[in-house]
């Protein structure tokens, strides 16, 4: 798996954040049974930058904790079977053959704020946001209660498997 991480925030995290991101991304793919090697890009940024992205891509003019930009339009969440079809070839990197899942942007200040608000570590908060976003990249959403509950269960189970609890 290829996980590209860019750290653009002035706010520094004091734990092995890159290792955490990679572990959670891989664990989410394994949990979901992804049969492919995959590629994900993660940007760790500040509130002003993520607010601009939120404004530009979602027409919401406020900072948020995480944004997900899926590169694959799954017909149903976590359904990798259709990627065997010839028309899905565009979903794979032409040189590496990896499934290009998409991009994740995370606000480092929000990682700190939310960790404090929820009474857990910044590492746990970052791990949660990565897991949350990985499921978005695999086609899951949380607009309705049933979807939200399903995503929350998956996120919780991935973090539990990694021993990253509250």
Protein backbone atom coordinates (compact mmCIF):
# COMPACT_ATOMS: atom_id res chain seq x y z
CA UNK A 1 0.00 0.00 0.00
CA UNK A 2 1.14 3.51 -0.78
CA UNK A 3 0.20 6.22 1.70
CA UNK A 4 1.48 9.63 0.74
CA UNK A 5 1.48 12.05 3.65
CA UNK A 6 2.09 15.78 3.44
CA UNK A 7 2.44 17.76 6.67
CA UNK A 8 1.66 21.43 6.06
CA UNK A 9 0.38 22.48 9.48
CA UNK A 10 2.40 24.75 11.72
CA UNK A 11 0.93 22.81 14.65
CA UNK A 12 3.16 19.80 15.32
CA UNK A 13 1.98 16.43 16.60
CA UNK A 14 4.27 14.79 19.17
CA UNK A 15 3.68 11.11 18.39
CA UNK A 16 4.48 8.92 15.37
CA UNK A 17 1.64 10.36 13.28
CA UNK A 18 2.81 8.98 9.94
CA UNK A 19 2.99 5.45 11.34
CA UNK A 20 -0.48 5.88 12.86
CA UNK A 21 -1.92 7.03 9.53
CA UNK A 22 -0.40 4.06 7.67
CA UNK A 23 -1.52 1.51 10.27
CA UNK A 24 -5.10 2.74 10.29
CA UNK A 25 -5.35 3.03 6.50
CA UNK A 26 -4.06 -0.52 6.04
CA UNK A 27 -6.26 -1.88 8.82
CA UNK A 28 -9.39 -0.28 7.32
CA UNK A 29 -8.65 -1.83 3.93
CA UNK A 30 -7.98 -5.22 5.50
CA UNK A 31 -11.14 -4.97 7.59
CA UNK A 32 -13.18 -4.24 4.48
CA UNK A 33 -11.50 -7.07 2.57
CA UNK A 34 -9.99 -4.94 -0.17
CA UNK A 35 -8.34 -7.42 -2.55
CA UNK A 36 -6.03 -4.79 -4.08
CA UNK A 37 -2.97 -2.87 -3.12
CA UNK A 38 -4.18 0.71 -2.78
CA UNK A 39 -2.95 4.29 -2.86
CA UNK A 40 -4.16 7.08 -0.55
CA UNK A 41 -2.90 10.64 -0.09
CA UNK A 42 -3.22 12.37 3.28
CA UNK A 43 -2.73 16.07 3.94
CA UNK A 44 -2.25 17.29 7.51
CA UNK A 45 -3.09 20.96 7.43
CA UNK A 46 -4.36 23.91 9.45
CA UNK A 47 -7.83 25.29 10.08
CA UNK A 48 -7.57 28.12 7.55
CA UNK A 49 -6.52 25.77 4.77
CA UNK A 50 -9.18 23.17 5.50
CA UNK A 51 -11.80 25.91 5.77
CA UNK A 52 -10.84 27.06 2.28
CA UNK A 53 -11.15 23.49 0.96
CA UNK A 54 -14.50 23.09 2.71
CA UNK A 55 -15.70 26.35 1.16
CA UNK A 56 -14.41 25.44 -2.29
CA UNK A 57 -15.61 21.83 -2.47
CA UNK A 58 -18.65 21.76 -0.16
CA UNK A 59 -19.78 25.42 -0.08
CA UNK A 60 -19.46 25.36 3.72
CA UNK A 61 -17.48 28.33 5.02
CA UNK A 62 -16.01 26.93 8.23
CA UNK A 63 -13.13 24.77 9.32
CA UNK A 64 -13.84 21.08 9.70
CA UNK A 65 -11.88 18.16 11.11
CA UNK A 66 -11.56 15.97 8.01
CA UNK A 67 -12.45 16.02 4.34
CA UNK A 68 -12.55 12.96 2.11
CA UNK A 69 -12.13 13.09 -1.64
CA UNK A 70 -12.95 9.65 -3.07
CA UNK A 71 -11.44 8.81 -6.46
CA UNK A 72 -13.68 5.76 -6.93
CA UNK A 73 -17.46 5.87 -7.20
CA UNK A 74 -18.47 2.57 -5.59
CA UNK A 75 -21.87 1.25 -6.75
CA UNK A 76 -22.36 0.03 -3.19
CA UNK A 77 -20.13 0.65 -0.16
CA UNK A 78 -17.12 -1.63 0.09
CA UNK A 79 -18.05 -3.53 -3.10
CA UNK A 80 -14.70 -4.16 -4.78
CA UNK A 81 -16.06 -6.81 -7.16
CA UNK A 82 -17.01 -4.40 -9.93
CA UNK A 83 -13.38 -3.29 -10.21
CA UNK A 84 -12.71 -6.49 -12.21
CA UNK A 85 -14.70 -5.04 -15.11
CA UNK A 86 -12.68 -3.51 -17.99
CA UNK A 87 -14.41 -0.14 -17.57
CA UNK A 88 -12.91 0.13 -14.07
CA UNK A 89 -9.33 0.18 -15.35
CA UNK A 90 -9.18 3.96 -14.80
CA UNK A 91 -9.40 3.33 -11.04
CA UNK A 92 -5.89 1.87 -11.00
CA UNK A 93 -2.58 3.71 -11.19
CA UNK A 94 -1.13 2.96 -14.63
CA UNK A 95 2.42 2.44 -13.34
CA UNK A 96 1.95 0.77 -9.96
CA UNK A 97 -1.34 -1.03 -10.59
CA UNK A 98 -2.60 0.16 -7.20
CA UNK A 99 -6.23 1.08 -6.67
CA UNK A 100 -6.29 4.87 -6.32
CA UNK A 101 -8.80 5.42 -3.52
CA UNK A 102 -8.49 9.18 -3.10
CA UNK A 103 -7.36 11.96 -0.80
CA UNK A 104 -7.86 12.83 2.85
CA UNK A 105 -7.34 16.27 4.42
CA UNK A 106 -7.13 16.54 8.21
CA UNK A 107 -6.95 19.66 10.37
CA UNK A 108 -4.20 19.22 12.96
CA UNK A 109 -5.67 21.92 15.24
CA UNK A 110 -9.01 20.04 15.15
CA UNK A 111 -7.18 16.81 16.06
CA UNK A 112 -5.94 18.52 19.23
CA UNK A 113 -9.23 20.29 20.04
CA UNK A 114 -11.38 17.19 19.58
CA UNK A 115 -8.97 14.93 21.48
CA UNK A 116 -9.27 17.28 24.45
CA UNK A 117 -13.04 17.61 24.09
CA UNK A 118 -13.55 13.84 23.93
CA UNK A 119 -11.00 13.07 26.63
CA UNK A 120 -8.61 10.95 24.62
CA UNK A 121 -5.19 11.32 23.03
CA UNK A 122 -4.43 13.22 19.82
CA UNK A 123 -3.17 9.90 18.41
CA UNK A 124 -6.56 8.31 19.00
CA UNK A 125 -8.31 11.28 17.39
CA UNK A 126 -6.06 11.19 14.33
CA UNK A 127 -6.61 7.43 14.04
CA UNK A 128 -10.38 7.92 14.26
CA UNK A 129 -10.36 10.59 11.54
CA UNK A 130 -8.25 8.43 9.23
CA UNK A 131 -10.53 5.41 9.78
CA UNK A 132 -13.60 7.58 9.21
CA UNK A 133 -12.20 8.97 5.99
CA UNK A 134 -10.99 5.59 4.72
CA UNK A 135 -14.56 4.28 4.91
CA UNK A 136 -15.72 7.34 2.97
CA UNK A 137 -13.10 6.52 0.32
CA UNK A 138 -14.56 3.00 0.14
CA UNK A 139 -18.03 4.34 -0.57
CA UNK A 140 -19.59 4.59 2.89
CA UNK A 141 -21.51 7.60 4.12
CA UNK A 142 -23.39 8.66 7.25
CA UNK A 143 -26.24 10.81 6.01
CA UNK A 144 -28.89 8.48 7.44
CA UNK A 145 -28.98 6.81 10.85
CA UNK A 146 -28.43 3.27 9.52
CA UNK A 147 -25.43 4.38 7.48
CA UNK A 148 -24.03 6.35 10.40
CA UNK A 149 -24.34 3.39 12.76
CA UNK A 150 -22.67 1.08 10.23
CA UNK A 151 -19.75 3.47 9.72
CA UNK A 152 -19.34 4.04 13.45
CA UNK A 153 -19.22 0.29 14.10
CA UNK A 154 -16.62 -0.25 11.38
CA UNK A 155 -14.47 2.63 12.66
CA UNK A 156 -14.68 1.37 16.23
CA UNK A 157 -13.77 -2.20 15.24
CA UNK A 158 -10.74 -1.08 13.21
CA UNK A 159 -9.44 1.02 16.09
CA UNK A 160 -10.13 -1.81 18.56
CA UNK A 161 -8.18 -4.24 16.37
CA UNK A 162 -5.23 -1.85 16.51
CA UNK A 163 -5.58 -1.33 20.26
CA UNK A 164 -6.25 2.40 19.80
CA UNK A 165 -8.97 3.01 22.35
CA UNK A 166 -10.32 5.98 24.19
